Protein backbone atom coordinates (compact mmCIF):
# COMPACT_ATOMS: atom_id res chain seq x y z
CA UNK A 1 -41.52 63.20 199.40
CA UNK A 2 -44.45 65.25 200.69
CA UNK A 3 -46.26 65.51 203.98
CA UNK A 4 -50.00 65.37 204.53
CA UNK A 5 -51.46 66.14 207.93
CA UNK A 6 -54.81 65.10 209.30
CA UNK A 7 -56.01 67.17 212.24
CA UNK A 8 -59.11 67.08 214.38
CA UNK A 9 -60.53 66.65 217.81
CA UNK A 10 -59.93 63.56 219.87
CA UNK A 11 -62.11 60.64 218.86
CA UNK A 12 -63.25 61.19 215.26
CA UNK A 13 -61.12 58.36 213.84
CA UNK A 14 -57.74 59.76 212.78
CA UNK A 15 -55.86 56.76 214.20
CA UNK A 16 -58.46 54.37 212.81
CA UNK A 17 -57.97 55.90 209.36
CA UNK A 18 -54.19 55.49 209.72
CA UNK A 19 -54.68 51.83 210.67
CA UNK A 20 -57.05 51.33 207.73
CA UNK A 21 -54.45 52.68 205.30
CA UNK A 22 -52.04 49.90 206.29
CA UNK A 23 -54.90 47.42 206.73
CA UNK A 24 -54.45 46.79 210.43
CA UNK A 25 -58.20 47.29 210.54
CA UNK A 26 -60.56 46.63 207.66
CA UNK A 27 -63.01 49.45 206.99
CA UNK A 28 -66.70 48.54 206.86
CA UNK A 29 -67.06 50.65 203.74
CA UNK A 30 -65.22 52.93 201.39
CA UNK A 31 -61.86 52.49 199.75
CA UNK A 32 -58.24 53.24 200.53
CA UNK A 33 -56.29 53.91 197.35
CA UNK A 34 -52.52 53.72 197.06
CA UNK A 35 -51.43 54.85 193.60
CA UNK A 36 -54.90 53.98 192.36
CA UNK A 37 -54.96 50.48 193.87
CA UNK A 38 -57.60 49.72 196.48
CA UNK A 39 -55.69 48.27 199.43
CA UNK A 40 -58.93 47.22 201.12
CA UNK A 41 -59.39 44.58 198.40
CA UNK A 42 -55.80 43.33 198.49
CA UNK A 43 -55.12 39.92 200.00
CA UNK A 44 -52.13 37.62 200.38
CA UNK A 45 -48.95 38.60 198.59
CA UNK A 46 -50.53 41.71 197.07
CA UNK A 47 -51.45 43.03 200.53
CA UNK A 48 -47.98 42.21 201.78
CA UNK A 49 -46.45 44.15 198.88
CA UNK A 50 -48.69 47.14 199.61
CA UNK A 51 -47.77 46.99 203.30
CA UNK A 52 -44.11 47.14 202.33
CA UNK A 53 -44.84 50.45 200.63
CA UNK A 54 -46.65 52.00 203.61
CA UNK A 55 -45.50 51.44 207.18
CA UNK A 56 -46.92 52.83 210.39
CA UNK A 57 -45.17 54.37 213.39
CA UNK A 58 -47.48 54.48 216.39
CA UNK A 59 -48.04 57.16 219.01
CA UNK A 60 -46.80 55.03 221.90
CA UNK A 61 -43.59 53.21 221.02
CA UNK A 62 -43.89 51.05 224.16
CA UNK A 63 -47.11 49.54 222.84
CA UNK A 64 -45.58 48.76 219.44
CA UNK A 65 -42.40 47.11 220.75
CA UNK A 66 -42.41 43.62 222.20
CA UNK A 67 -40.99 43.90 225.75
CA UNK A 68 -39.34 40.47 225.33
CA UNK A 69 -37.37 41.49 222.24
CA UNK A 70 -34.23 43.59 222.11
CA UNK A 71 -34.07 46.55 219.77
CA UNK A 72 -31.96 44.57 217.32
CA UNK A 73 -34.30 41.56 217.41
CA UNK A 74 -37.35 43.73 216.75
CA UNK A 75 -35.71 45.40 213.77
CA UNK A 76 -34.23 42.11 212.53
CA UNK A 77 -37.70 40.54 212.58
CA UNK A 78 -38.94 43.12 210.05
CA UNK A 79 -35.82 42.81 207.89
CA UNK A 80 -36.04 39.00 207.84
CA UNK A 81 -39.75 38.99 207.08
CA UNK A 82 -39.49 41.35 204.13
CA UNK A 83 -35.96 40.87 202.81
CA UNK A 84 -34.97 37.36 203.89
CA UNK A 85 -31.53 38.44 205.11
CA UNK A 86 -29.64 36.18 207.50
CA UNK A 87 -26.34 36.07 209.35
CA UNK A 88 -23.81 38.87 208.79
CA UNK A 89 -25.99 40.59 206.16
CA UNK A 90 -28.86 40.78 208.65
CA UNK A 91 -26.60 42.12 211.42
CA UNK A 92 -25.18 44.73 209.04
CA UNK A 93 -28.66 45.87 207.99
CA UNK A 94 -29.81 46.17 211.61
CA UNK A 95 -26.69 48.22 212.43
CA UNK A 96 -27.33 50.43 209.37
CA UNK A 97 -30.94 51.06 210.45
CA UNK A 98 -29.94 51.88 214.03
CA UNK A 99 -27.35 54.30 212.71
CA UNK A 100 -29.88 55.82 210.30
CA UNK A 101 -32.11 56.82 213.23
CA UNK A 102 -29.18 58.02 215.32
CA UNK A 103 -28.89 55.15 217.78
CA UNK A 104 -25.56 53.79 218.93
CA UNK A 105 -24.67 50.12 218.60
CA UNK A 106 -25.02 49.53 222.35
CA UNK A 107 -28.79 50.12 222.06
CA UNK A 108 -29.07 46.99 219.89
CA UNK A 109 -28.99 44.61 222.85
CA UNK A 110 -31.36 46.58 225.05
CA UNK A 111 -35.01 45.90 225.76
CA UNK A 112 -37.68 48.62 225.45
CA UNK A 113 -37.81 49.19 229.23
CA UNK A 114 -34.06 49.82 229.24
CA UNK A 115 -34.14 52.82 226.90
CA UNK A 116 -35.74 56.28 226.96
CA UNK A 117 -39.01 57.18 225.26
CA UNK A 118 -37.18 58.97 222.47
CA UNK A 119 -34.93 55.96 221.92
CA UNK A 120 -37.99 53.67 221.84
CA UNK A 121 -39.56 55.89 219.19
CA UNK A 122 -36.34 55.77 217.16
CA UNK A 123 -36.38 51.95 217.39
CA UNK A 124 -39.99 51.97 216.14
CA UNK A 125 -38.99 54.25 213.25
CA UNK A 126 -36.04 51.98 212.39
CA UNK A 127 -38.37 48.97 212.42
CA UNK A 128 -40.71 50.74 210.01
CA UNK A 129 -37.78 51.74 207.77
CA UNK A 130 -36.52 48.13 207.73
CA UNK A 131 -39.17 47.36 205.14
CA UNK A 132 -37.90 50.22 202.90
CA UNK A 133 -41.29 51.88 202.55
CA UNK A 134 -42.27 54.81 200.36
CA UNK A 135 -44.74 56.11 202.94
CA UNK A 136 -44.62 56.39 206.72
CA UNK A 137 -47.97 56.79 208.46
CA UNK A 138 -47.09 58.71 211.62
CA UNK A 139 -49.79 58.48 214.28
CA UNK A 140 -48.94 61.29 216.71
CA UNK A 141 -45.36 60.05 216.94
CA UNK A 142 -44.27 62.78 219.33
CA UNK A 143 -47.27 63.13 221.64
CA UNK A 144 -45.95 60.65 224.25
CA UNK A 145 -42.56 62.41 224.41
CA UNK A 146 -41.35 65.45 226.33
CA UNK A 147 -40.91 68.71 224.41
CA UNK A 148 -37.14 68.53 223.86
CA UNK A 149 -37.35 64.95 222.61
CA UNK A 150 -40.29 65.88 220.36
CA UNK A 151 -38.09 68.39 218.54
CA UNK A 152 -35.32 65.81 218.14
CA UNK A 153 -37.72 63.24 216.66
CA UNK A 154 -39.27 65.81 214.31
CA UNK A 155 -35.79 66.84 213.12
CA UNK A 156 -34.90 63.18 212.58
CA UNK A 157 -38.08 62.64 210.55
CA UNK A 158 -37.38 65.73 208.43
CA UNK A 159 -33.84 64.47 207.76
CA UNK A 160 -35.08 60.97 206.88
CA UNK A 161 -37.72 62.40 204.58
CA UNK A 162 -35.10 64.37 202.66
CA UNK A 163 -32.52 61.59 202.64
CA UNK A 164 -34.86 58.73 201.73
CA UNK A 165 -37.54 60.59 199.76
CA UNK A 166 -40.26 59.41 202.15
CA UNK A 167 -43.84 60.57 202.11
CA UNK A 168 -45.44 61.23 205.50
């Protein structure tokens, strides 16, 4: 339920560290511990289980969303991969996640280029939440957004943290 911030100049590796935590990149040395378990040594199902616990939301939601997939399809992909839901149960879970991040049902059928930057970031957050993680790694999630939208996203994250007991 806590928040840890990592600050520094541009270029020293903050984003690389974030990616190493969720094993999108493998560090050349050192360890990344999650509740005492070294995620850098995890493979197969163990790595998959650790990735379910820690999900990443990237700085640029456009880069993390497939332009050929609707919002619902992108979220459904994560739900199906990690929870094997299908049919009406899958549709209900996607609708629940969209609602959780404050997006209306009509967003579900839209592609990333058809929604605003703030809506894209909410879709990315919903996709990360689809896995039901304990930890969200937030890599400058508001830096690509205008000031008013930044505040909205930060308020959403604060609400989600309280409601879901997330660690950031």
